[in-house]
Amino acid sequence: MNKEILPFIIFLIHHIANRYGVSPSVVYHKLETCDCIKKYIIPYYDSLHTQGEDYLINDIEIYLKNRGVSIL
């Protein structure tokens, strides 16, 4: 993992947590439950980091829903 990816993951976690009114640790656990970080965010970082905040949050939400995971 390069040095830009970790801050991006932290950015995503905090913005998702803010949108849903949950703690960042809850979001992190949900992302880890379905390997979202390892199998989606890291491999597709080059494309994802060019997108806007709303797009990213909605995209992650769809990823989670497709795997039966809900933030709330």
N, C-alpha and C. Protein backbone atom coordinates (compact mmCIF):
# COMPACT_ATOMS: atom_id res chain seq x y z
N MET A 1 0.85 -1.17 0.00
CA MET A 1 0.00 0.00 0.00
C MET A 1 0.90 1.23 0.00
N ASN A 2 0.63 2.17 -0.92
CA ASN A 2 1.45 3.38 -0.94
C ASN A 2 0.96 4.38 0.11
N LYS A 3 1.75 5.41 0.32
CA LYS A 3 1.48 6.35 1.42
C LYS A 3 0.23 7.21 1.22
N GLU A 4 -0.33 7.26 0.01
CA GLU A 4 -1.54 8.05 -0.22
C GLU A 4 -2.82 7.28 0.11
N ILE A 5 -2.75 5.98 0.12
CA ILE A 5 -3.96 5.17 0.28
C ILE A 5 -4.51 5.23 1.71
N LEU A 6 -3.65 5.15 2.71
CA LEU A 6 -4.13 5.16 4.09
C LEU A 6 -4.91 6.44 4.42
N PRO A 7 -4.40 7.63 4.10
CA PRO A 7 -5.20 8.83 4.37
C PRO A 7 -6.53 8.83 3.61
N PHE A 8 -6.55 8.25 2.42
CA PHE A 8 -7.79 8.17 1.65
C PHE A 8 -8.79 7.26 2.35
N ILE A 9 -8.33 6.13 2.86
CA ILE A 9 -9.21 5.21 3.58
C ILE A 9 -9.77 5.89 4.83
N ILE A 10 -8.92 6.61 5.55
CA ILE A 10 -9.36 7.33 6.75
C ILE A 10 -10.39 8.40 6.37
N PHE A 11 -10.14 9.11 5.29
CA PHE A 11 -11.08 10.11 4.78
C PHE A 11 -12.44 9.47 4.52
N LEU A 12 -12.44 8.34 3.81
CA LEU A 12 -13.70 7.66 3.50
C LEU A 12 -14.43 7.22 4.77
N ILE A 13 -13.72 6.61 5.67
CA ILE A 13 -14.33 6.12 6.91
C ILE A 13 -14.99 7.26 7.67
N HIS A 14 -14.29 8.36 7.81
CA HIS A 14 -14.84 9.49 8.57
C HIS A 14 -16.04 10.15 7.87
N HIS A 15 -15.99 10.25 6.57
CA HIS A 15 -17.11 10.87 5.86
C HIS A 15 -18.34 9.95 5.84
N ILE A 16 -18.13 8.67 5.73
CA ILE A 16 -19.25 7.73 5.82
C ILE A 16 -19.84 7.78 7.22
N ALA A 17 -18.99 7.80 8.24
CA ALA A 17 -19.45 7.87 9.63
C ALA A 17 -20.27 9.14 9.86
N ASN A 18 -19.80 10.26 9.34
CA ASN A 18 -20.54 11.53 9.49
C ASN A 18 -21.89 11.47 8.80
N ARG A 19 -21.94 10.89 7.62
CA ARG A 19 -23.20 10.83 6.89
C ARG A 19 -24.25 10.01 7.64
N TYR A 20 -23.82 8.92 8.23
CA TYR A 20 -24.76 8.01 8.88
C TYR A 20 -24.87 8.22 10.39
N GLY A 21 -24.09 9.13 10.93
CA GLY A 21 -24.17 9.43 12.36
C GLY A 21 -23.70 8.28 13.24
N VAL A 22 -22.69 7.57 12.78
CA VAL A 22 -22.12 6.47 13.56
C VAL A 22 -20.63 6.76 13.78
N SER A 23 -20.01 5.99 14.64
CA SER A 23 -18.59 6.22 14.90
C SER A 23 -17.75 5.64 13.77
N PRO A 24 -16.58 6.22 13.54
CA PRO A 24 -15.68 5.67 12.52
C PRO A 24 -15.33 4.21 12.76
N SER A 25 -15.26 3.80 14.02
CA SER A 25 -14.93 2.39 14.30
C SER A 25 -16.02 1.45 13.80
N VAL A 26 -17.28 1.87 13.85
CA VAL A 26 -18.38 1.07 13.31
C VAL A 26 -18.23 0.93 11.80
N VAL A 27 -17.93 2.03 11.13
CA VAL A 27 -17.75 2.00 9.68
C VAL A 27 -16.58 1.10 9.32
N TYR A 28 -15.47 1.25 10.03
CA TYR A 28 -14.29 0.42 9.75
C TYR A 28 -14.64 -1.06 9.89
N HIS A 29 -15.34 -1.41 10.94
CA HIS A 29 -15.73 -2.81 11.15
C HIS A 29 -16.60 -3.32 10.00
N LYS A 30 -17.55 -2.51 9.55
CA LYS A 30 -18.43 -2.91 8.44
C LYS A 30 -17.62 -3.11 7.16
N LEU A 31 -16.67 -2.20 6.89
CA LEU A 31 -15.84 -2.33 5.69
C LEU A 31 -14.96 -3.57 5.76
N GLU A 32 -14.47 -3.87 6.94
CA GLU A 32 -13.63 -5.06 7.11
C GLU A 32 -14.44 -6.35 7.01
N THR A 33 -15.69 -6.31 7.45
CA THR A 33 -16.55 -7.49 7.42
C THR A 33 -16.67 -8.08 6.02
N CYS A 34 -16.72 -7.22 5.02
CA CYS A 34 -16.89 -7.71 3.64
C CYS A 34 -15.65 -7.45 2.78
N ASP A 35 -14.50 -7.24 3.43
CA ASP A 35 -13.23 -7.03 2.73
C ASP A 35 -13.26 -5.86 1.76
N CYS A 36 -14.06 -4.85 2.06
CA CYS A 36 -14.18 -3.68 1.18
C CYS A 36 -12.85 -2.95 1.03
N ILE A 37 -12.12 -2.83 2.12
CA ILE A 37 -10.85 -2.10 2.05
C ILE A 37 -9.84 -2.89 1.22
N LYS A 38 -9.69 -4.16 1.55
CA LYS A 38 -8.66 -4.99 0.90
C LYS A 38 -8.99 -5.35 -0.54
N LYS A 39 -10.28 -5.59 -0.83
CA LYS A 39 -10.64 -6.08 -2.16
C LYS A 39 -11.25 -5.02 -3.08
N TYR A 40 -11.54 -3.83 -2.53
CA TYR A 40 -12.15 -2.80 -3.38
C TYR A 40 -11.41 -1.47 -3.30
N ILE A 41 -11.30 -0.90 -2.11
CA ILE A 41 -10.72 0.43 -2.00
C ILE A 41 -9.25 0.45 -2.39
N ILE A 42 -8.46 -0.46 -1.87
CA ILE A 42 -7.03 -0.48 -2.19
C ILE A 42 -6.79 -0.81 -3.67
N PRO A 43 -7.38 -1.89 -4.20
CA PRO A 43 -7.09 -2.20 -5.61
C PRO A 43 -7.57 -1.13 -6.59
N TYR A 44 -8.65 -0.43 -6.26
CA TYR A 44 -9.22 0.56 -7.18
C TYR A 44 -8.96 2.00 -6.74
N TYR A 45 -7.98 2.16 -5.87
CA TYR A 45 -7.65 3.49 -5.37
C TYR A 45 -7.41 4.50 -6.49
N ASP A 46 -6.67 4.11 -7.52
CA ASP A 46 -6.34 5.04 -8.61
C ASP A 46 -7.59 5.66 -9.24
N SER A 47 -8.64 4.90 -9.37
CA SER A 47 -9.89 5.42 -9.93
C SER A 47 -10.74 6.11 -8.86
N LEU A 48 -10.83 5.49 -7.69
CA LEU A 48 -11.71 6.02 -6.65
C LEU A 48 -11.28 7.39 -6.15
N HIS A 49 -9.99 7.61 -5.98
CA HIS A 49 -9.57 8.88 -5.38
C HIS A 49 -9.82 10.08 -6.28
N THR A 50 -10.21 9.85 -7.53
CA THR A 50 -10.51 10.96 -8.43
C THR A 50 -11.98 11.38 -8.36
N GLN A 51 -12.78 10.64 -7.60
CA GLN A 51 -14.22 10.89 -7.52
C GLN A 51 -14.55 11.82 -6.36
N GLY A 52 -15.74 12.40 -6.40
CA GLY A 52 -16.21 13.28 -5.33
C GLY A 52 -16.71 12.50 -4.14
N GLU A 53 -16.83 13.21 -3.04
CA GLU A 53 -17.25 12.61 -1.77
C GLU A 53 -18.59 11.89 -1.87
N ASP A 54 -19.60 12.54 -2.44
CA ASP A 54 -20.92 11.91 -2.54
C ASP A 54 -20.88 10.64 -3.38
N TYR A 55 -20.18 10.70 -4.49
CA TYR A 55 -20.06 9.51 -5.34
C TYR A 55 -19.41 8.37 -4.57
N LEU A 56 -18.33 8.68 -3.88
CA LEU A 56 -17.59 7.65 -3.15
C LEU A 56 -18.45 7.00 -2.07
N ILE A 57 -19.14 7.81 -1.30
CA ILE A 57 -19.98 7.27 -0.23
C ILE A 57 -21.08 6.41 -0.81
N ASN A 58 -21.72 6.88 -1.87
CA ASN A 58 -22.78 6.08 -2.50
C ASN A 58 -22.23 4.79 -3.09
N ASP A 59 -21.05 4.86 -3.67
CA ASP A 59 -20.42 3.69 -4.27
C ASP A 59 -20.10 2.64 -3.19
N ILE A 60 -19.55 3.08 -2.08
CA ILE A 60 -19.24 2.17 -0.98
C ILE A 60 -20.53 1.58 -0.41
N GLU A 61 -21.56 2.41 -0.31
CA GLU A 61 -22.86 1.92 0.18
C GLU A 61 -23.39 0.80 -0.72
N ILE A 62 -23.29 0.97 -2.02
CA ILE A 62 -23.73 -0.05 -2.97
C ILE A 62 -22.89 -1.32 -2.81
N TYR A 63 -21.59 -1.15 -2.67
CA TYR A 63 -20.69 -2.30 -2.47
C TYR A 63 -21.14 -3.09 -1.24
N LEU A 64 -21.39 -2.38 -0.15
CA LEU A 64 -21.81 -3.05 1.08
C LEU A 64 -23.16 -3.74 0.93
N LYS A 65 -24.13 -3.04 0.34
CA LYS A 65 -25.47 -3.62 0.16
C LYS A 65 -25.41 -4.89 -0.68
N ASN A 66 -24.58 -4.89 -1.71
CA ASN A 66 -24.45 -6.07 -2.57
C ASN A 66 -23.88 -7.26 -1.82
N ARG A 67 -23.27 -7.01 -0.68
CA ARG A 67 -22.70 -8.08 0.13
C ARG A 67 -23.49 -8.30 1.42
N GLY A 68 -24.67 -7.69 1.49
CA GLY A 68 -25.55 -7.90 2.64
C GLY A 68 -25.12 -7.20 3.91
N VAL A 69 -24.35 -6.11 3.76
CA VAL A 69 -23.87 -5.36 4.92
C VAL A 69 -24.49 -3.97 4.89
N SER A 70 -24.97 -3.52 6.04
CA SER A 70 -25.55 -2.19 6.16
C SER A 70 -24.75 -1.38 7.18
N ILE A 71 -24.58 -0.11 6.92
CA ILE A 71 -23.87 0.76 7.86
C ILE A 71 -24.66 0.89 9.15
N LEU A 72 -25.95 0.96 9.05
CA LEU A 72 -26.77 1.13 10.27
C LEU A 72 -27.21 -0.18 10.84
